[in-house]
């Protein structure tokens, strides 16, 4: 059975996953549009990996996957955006 920590962690990241999916398809307006939606999807996935890691015991592979996905998500959410020239 799952611990309460795992359950709450997974439910929290399921909500972030839904927000990211809504932003990706344009249902939820996000400040950075679809880019933020993809970032939220990556963030939810990487954080769910952290919650489930003790059960799955992925070791270095899990830590590497988490690091790459989380840093990519941060870049998508907070990184620079190209400005469109004004007409």
N, C-alpha and C. Protein backbone atom coordinates (compact mmCIF):
# COMPACT_ATOMS: atom_id res chain seq x y z
N UNK A 1 0.83 -1.20 0.00
CA UNK A 1 0.00 0.00 0.00
C UNK A 1 0.87 1.26 0.00
N UNK A 2 0.30 2.32 -0.49
CA UNK A 2 1.00 3.60 -0.53
C UNK A 2 0.93 4.29 0.81
N UNK A 3 1.98 5.01 1.13
CA UNK A 3 1.97 5.81 2.36
C UNK A 3 1.15 7.07 2.09
N UNK A 4 0.70 7.75 3.14
CA UNK A 4 -0.02 9.01 2.94
C UNK A 4 0.82 10.04 2.19
N UNK A 5 2.14 10.06 2.43
CA UNK A 5 3.02 10.98 1.73
C UNK A 5 3.01 10.73 0.23
N UNK A 6 3.11 9.45 -0.16
CA UNK A 6 3.07 9.10 -1.58
C UNK A 6 1.74 9.49 -2.21
N UNK A 7 0.67 9.21 -1.52
CA UNK A 7 -0.66 9.50 -2.05
C UNK A 7 -0.87 10.99 -2.25
N UNK A 8 -0.54 11.79 -1.25
CA UNK A 8 -0.70 13.24 -1.36
C UNK A 8 0.25 13.80 -2.42
N UNK A 9 1.47 13.29 -2.47
CA UNK A 9 2.43 13.74 -3.48
C UNK A 9 1.94 13.45 -4.88
N UNK A 10 1.43 12.26 -5.09
CA UNK A 10 0.94 11.90 -6.42
C UNK A 10 -0.31 12.69 -6.80
N UNK A 11 -1.21 12.91 -5.86
CA UNK A 11 -2.40 13.71 -6.15
C UNK A 11 -2.04 15.16 -6.48
N UNK A 12 -1.08 15.71 -5.75
CA UNK A 12 -0.63 17.08 -6.02
C UNK A 12 -0.04 17.18 -7.42
N UNK A 13 0.76 16.20 -7.79
CA UNK A 13 1.38 16.26 -9.11
C UNK A 13 0.40 15.89 -10.22
N UNK A 14 -0.64 15.15 -9.88
CA UNK A 14 -1.70 14.91 -10.87
C UNK A 14 -2.41 16.22 -11.20
N UNK A 15 -2.60 17.08 -10.19
CA UNK A 15 -3.21 18.39 -10.43
C UNK A 15 -2.31 19.25 -11.31
N UNK A 16 -1.00 19.25 -11.03
CA UNK A 16 -0.06 20.01 -11.85
C UNK A 16 -0.05 19.45 -13.28
N UNK A 17 -0.14 18.14 -13.41
CA UNK A 17 -0.21 17.51 -14.72
C UNK A 17 -1.44 17.98 -15.48
N UNK A 18 -2.58 18.04 -14.81
CA UNK A 18 -3.81 18.53 -15.46
C UNK A 18 -3.70 20.00 -15.86
N UNK A 19 -3.09 20.82 -15.00
CA UNK A 19 -2.88 22.22 -15.36
C UNK A 19 -1.97 22.35 -16.58
N UNK A 20 -0.92 21.56 -16.61
CA UNK A 20 -0.01 21.58 -17.75
C UNK A 20 -0.69 21.12 -19.03
N UNK A 21 -1.48 20.07 -18.93
CA UNK A 21 -2.21 19.58 -20.10
C UNK A 21 -3.22 20.61 -20.59
N UNK A 22 -3.91 21.25 -19.64
CA UNK A 22 -4.85 22.32 -20.00
C UNK A 22 -4.16 23.49 -20.67
N UNK A 23 -2.97 23.84 -20.20
CA UNK A 23 -2.20 24.91 -20.83
C UNK A 23 -1.67 24.51 -22.19
N UNK A 24 -1.30 23.24 -22.34
CA UNK A 24 -0.76 22.76 -23.60
C UNK A 24 -1.81 22.78 -24.71
N UNK A 25 -3.04 22.41 -24.37
CA UNK A 25 -4.10 22.40 -25.39
C UNK A 25 -4.83 23.74 -25.50
N UNK A 26 -4.45 24.69 -24.66
CA UNK A 26 -5.04 26.02 -24.73
C UNK A 26 -6.32 26.20 -23.94
N UNK A 27 -6.70 25.22 -23.15
CA UNK A 27 -7.91 25.31 -22.33
C UNK A 27 -7.70 26.24 -21.14
N UNK A 28 -6.50 26.24 -20.58
CA UNK A 28 -6.16 27.10 -19.45
C UNK A 28 -5.14 28.13 -19.96
N UNK A 29 -5.47 29.42 -19.90
CA UNK A 29 -4.51 30.42 -20.38
C UNK A 29 -3.35 30.58 -19.39
N UNK A 30 -2.16 30.24 -19.84
CA UNK A 30 -0.97 30.40 -19.02
C UNK A 30 -0.14 31.55 -19.57
N UNK A 31 0.61 32.21 -18.72
CA UNK A 31 1.36 33.40 -19.11
C UNK A 31 2.30 33.13 -20.29
N UNK A 32 2.90 31.98 -20.32
CA UNK A 32 3.83 31.65 -21.41
C UNK A 32 3.24 30.64 -22.38
N UNK A 33 1.95 30.49 -22.35
CA UNK A 33 1.25 29.65 -23.31
C UNK A 33 1.62 28.18 -23.23
N UNK A 34 1.74 27.58 -24.41
CA UNK A 34 2.01 26.14 -24.48
C UNK A 34 3.37 25.78 -23.90
N UNK A 35 4.31 26.70 -23.99
CA UNK A 35 5.63 26.46 -23.40
C UNK A 35 5.50 26.18 -21.91
N UNK A 36 4.69 26.95 -21.21
CA UNK A 36 4.48 26.72 -19.78
C UNK A 36 3.73 25.41 -19.54
N UNK A 37 2.82 25.06 -20.44
CA UNK A 37 2.11 23.79 -20.32
C UNK A 37 3.06 22.61 -20.38
N UNK A 38 4.00 22.65 -21.32
CA UNK A 38 5.00 21.58 -21.43
C UNK A 38 5.88 21.57 -20.18
N UNK A 39 6.25 22.75 -19.70
CA UNK A 39 7.06 22.83 -18.49
C UNK A 39 6.35 22.22 -17.29
N UNK A 40 5.06 22.49 -17.16
CA UNK A 40 4.31 21.92 -16.04
C UNK A 40 4.18 20.40 -16.17
N UNK A 41 4.02 19.91 -17.38
CA UNK A 41 3.96 18.46 -17.58
C UNK A 41 5.28 17.80 -17.17
N UNK A 42 6.39 18.39 -17.58
CA UNK A 42 7.70 17.86 -17.19
C UNK A 42 7.92 17.96 -15.68
N UNK A 43 7.50 19.07 -15.11
CA UNK A 43 7.66 19.28 -13.67
C UNK A 43 6.86 18.22 -12.89
N UNK A 44 5.62 17.99 -13.30
CA UNK A 44 4.79 17.00 -12.62
C UNK A 44 5.38 15.60 -12.73
N UNK A 45 5.86 15.27 -13.91
CA UNK A 45 6.45 13.95 -14.10
C UNK A 45 7.71 13.75 -13.29
N UNK A 46 8.57 14.75 -13.28
CA UNK A 46 9.83 14.61 -12.54
C UNK A 46 9.58 14.56 -11.04
N UNK A 47 8.64 15.36 -10.55
CA UNK A 47 8.37 15.35 -9.12
C UNK A 47 7.64 14.06 -8.70
N UNK A 48 6.80 13.52 -9.57
CA UNK A 48 6.17 12.23 -9.26
C UNK A 48 7.23 11.13 -9.18
N UNK A 49 8.26 11.25 -10.01
CA UNK A 49 9.37 10.30 -9.96
C UNK A 49 10.07 10.36 -8.60
N UNK A 50 10.23 11.56 -8.06
CA UNK A 50 10.86 11.70 -6.74
C UNK A 50 9.99 11.04 -5.65
N UNK A 51 8.68 11.21 -5.77
CA UNK A 51 7.78 10.63 -4.77
C UNK A 51 7.83 9.10 -4.84
N UNK A 52 7.89 8.55 -6.04
CA UNK A 52 7.83 7.10 -6.20
C UNK A 52 9.20 6.41 -6.16
N UNK A 53 10.28 7.17 -6.18
CA UNK A 53 11.62 6.58 -6.24
C UNK A 53 11.91 5.57 -5.12
N UNK A 54 11.54 5.85 -3.87
CA UNK A 54 11.85 4.85 -2.83
C UNK A 54 11.21 3.48 -3.13
N UNK A 55 10.07 3.48 -3.76
CA UNK A 55 9.40 2.22 -4.08
C UNK A 55 10.04 1.55 -5.30
N UNK A 56 10.40 2.36 -6.30
CA UNK A 56 10.95 1.81 -7.55
C UNK A 56 12.45 1.57 -7.49
N UNK A 57 13.17 2.29 -6.64
CA UNK A 57 14.62 2.16 -6.48
C UNK A 57 15.35 2.25 -7.82
N UNK A 58 15.25 3.41 -8.46
CA UNK A 58 15.84 3.62 -9.77
C UNK A 58 17.30 4.05 -9.71
N UNK A 59 17.76 4.46 -8.55
CA UNK A 59 19.17 4.81 -8.38
C UNK A 59 19.62 5.96 -9.28
N UNK A 60 20.79 5.79 -9.88
CA UNK A 60 21.40 6.83 -10.70
C UNK A 60 20.56 7.17 -11.93
N UNK A 61 19.93 6.18 -12.52
CA UNK A 61 19.08 6.43 -13.69
C UNK A 61 17.91 7.34 -13.31
N UNK A 62 17.27 7.06 -12.20
CA UNK A 62 16.16 7.90 -11.73
C UNK A 62 16.61 9.30 -11.38
N UNK A 63 17.76 9.41 -10.71
CA UNK A 63 18.27 10.73 -10.33
C UNK A 63 18.62 11.55 -11.57
N UNK A 64 19.20 10.90 -12.57
CA UNK A 64 19.55 11.61 -13.81
C UNK A 64 18.29 12.04 -14.55
N UNK A 65 17.31 11.15 -14.66
CA UNK A 65 16.06 11.49 -15.33
C UNK A 65 15.36 12.65 -14.62
N UNK A 66 15.31 12.60 -13.30
CA UNK A 66 14.70 13.68 -12.53
C UNK A 66 15.41 15.00 -12.79
N UNK A 67 16.74 14.99 -12.72
CA UNK A 67 17.51 16.23 -12.88
C UNK A 67 17.29 16.84 -14.26
N UNK A 68 17.39 16.03 -15.30
CA UNK A 68 17.21 16.54 -16.66
C UNK A 68 15.80 17.08 -16.86
N UNK A 69 14.78 16.32 -16.45
CA UNK A 69 13.40 16.76 -16.64
C UNK A 69 13.09 18.01 -15.82
N UNK A 70 13.56 18.06 -14.58
CA UNK A 70 13.26 19.21 -13.73
C UNK A 70 13.94 20.47 -14.24
N UNK A 71 15.21 20.37 -14.64
CA UNK A 71 15.91 21.55 -15.15
C UNK A 71 15.31 22.02 -16.48
N UNK A 72 14.91 21.10 -17.33
CA UNK A 72 14.24 21.47 -18.58
C UNK A 72 12.92 22.17 -18.28
N UNK A 73 12.17 21.65 -17.33
CA UNK A 73 10.90 22.27 -16.95
C UNK A 73 11.12 23.68 -16.41
N UNK A 74 12.13 23.87 -15.57
CA UNK A 74 12.43 25.21 -15.06
C UNK A 74 12.78 26.17 -16.19
N UNK A 75 13.55 25.69 -17.17
CA UNK A 75 13.92 26.54 -18.30
C UNK A 75 12.67 26.94 -19.08
N UNK A 76 11.77 26.00 -19.30
CA UNK A 76 10.55 26.30 -20.05
C UNK A 76 9.65 27.28 -19.28
N UNK A 77 9.62 27.14 -17.96
CA UNK A 77 8.76 28.01 -17.15
C UNK A 77 9.38 29.38 -16.89
N UNK A 78 10.70 29.45 -16.72
CA UNK A 78 11.33 30.68 -16.29
C UNK A 78 12.36 31.26 -17.25
N UNK A 79 12.74 30.52 -18.26
CA UNK A 79 13.78 30.96 -19.18
C UNK A 79 13.34 32.14 -20.04
N UNK A 80 14.29 32.74 -20.76
CA UNK A 80 13.97 33.90 -21.59
C UNK A 80 13.01 33.54 -22.72
N UNK A 81 12.21 34.51 -23.09
CA UNK A 81 11.24 34.35 -24.18
C UNK A 81 11.62 35.33 -25.28
N UNK A 82 11.58 34.87 -26.51
CA UNK A 82 11.86 35.78 -27.64
C UNK A 82 10.73 36.79 -27.75
N UNK A 83 11.10 38.02 -27.86
CA UNK A 83 10.13 39.10 -28.01
C UNK A 83 9.80 39.30 -29.47
N UNK A 84 8.52 39.48 -29.75
CA UNK A 84 8.09 39.77 -31.10
C UNK A 84 8.29 41.26 -31.38
N UNK A 85 8.79 41.59 -32.57
CA UNK A 85 8.97 43.01 -32.88
C UNK A 85 7.61 43.72 -32.97
N UNK A 86 7.60 44.96 -32.51
CA UNK A 86 6.36 45.74 -32.57
C UNK A 86 6.13 46.24 -33.98
N UNK A 87 4.88 46.23 -34.43
CA UNK A 87 4.59 46.69 -35.80
C UNK A 87 4.77 48.17 -35.98
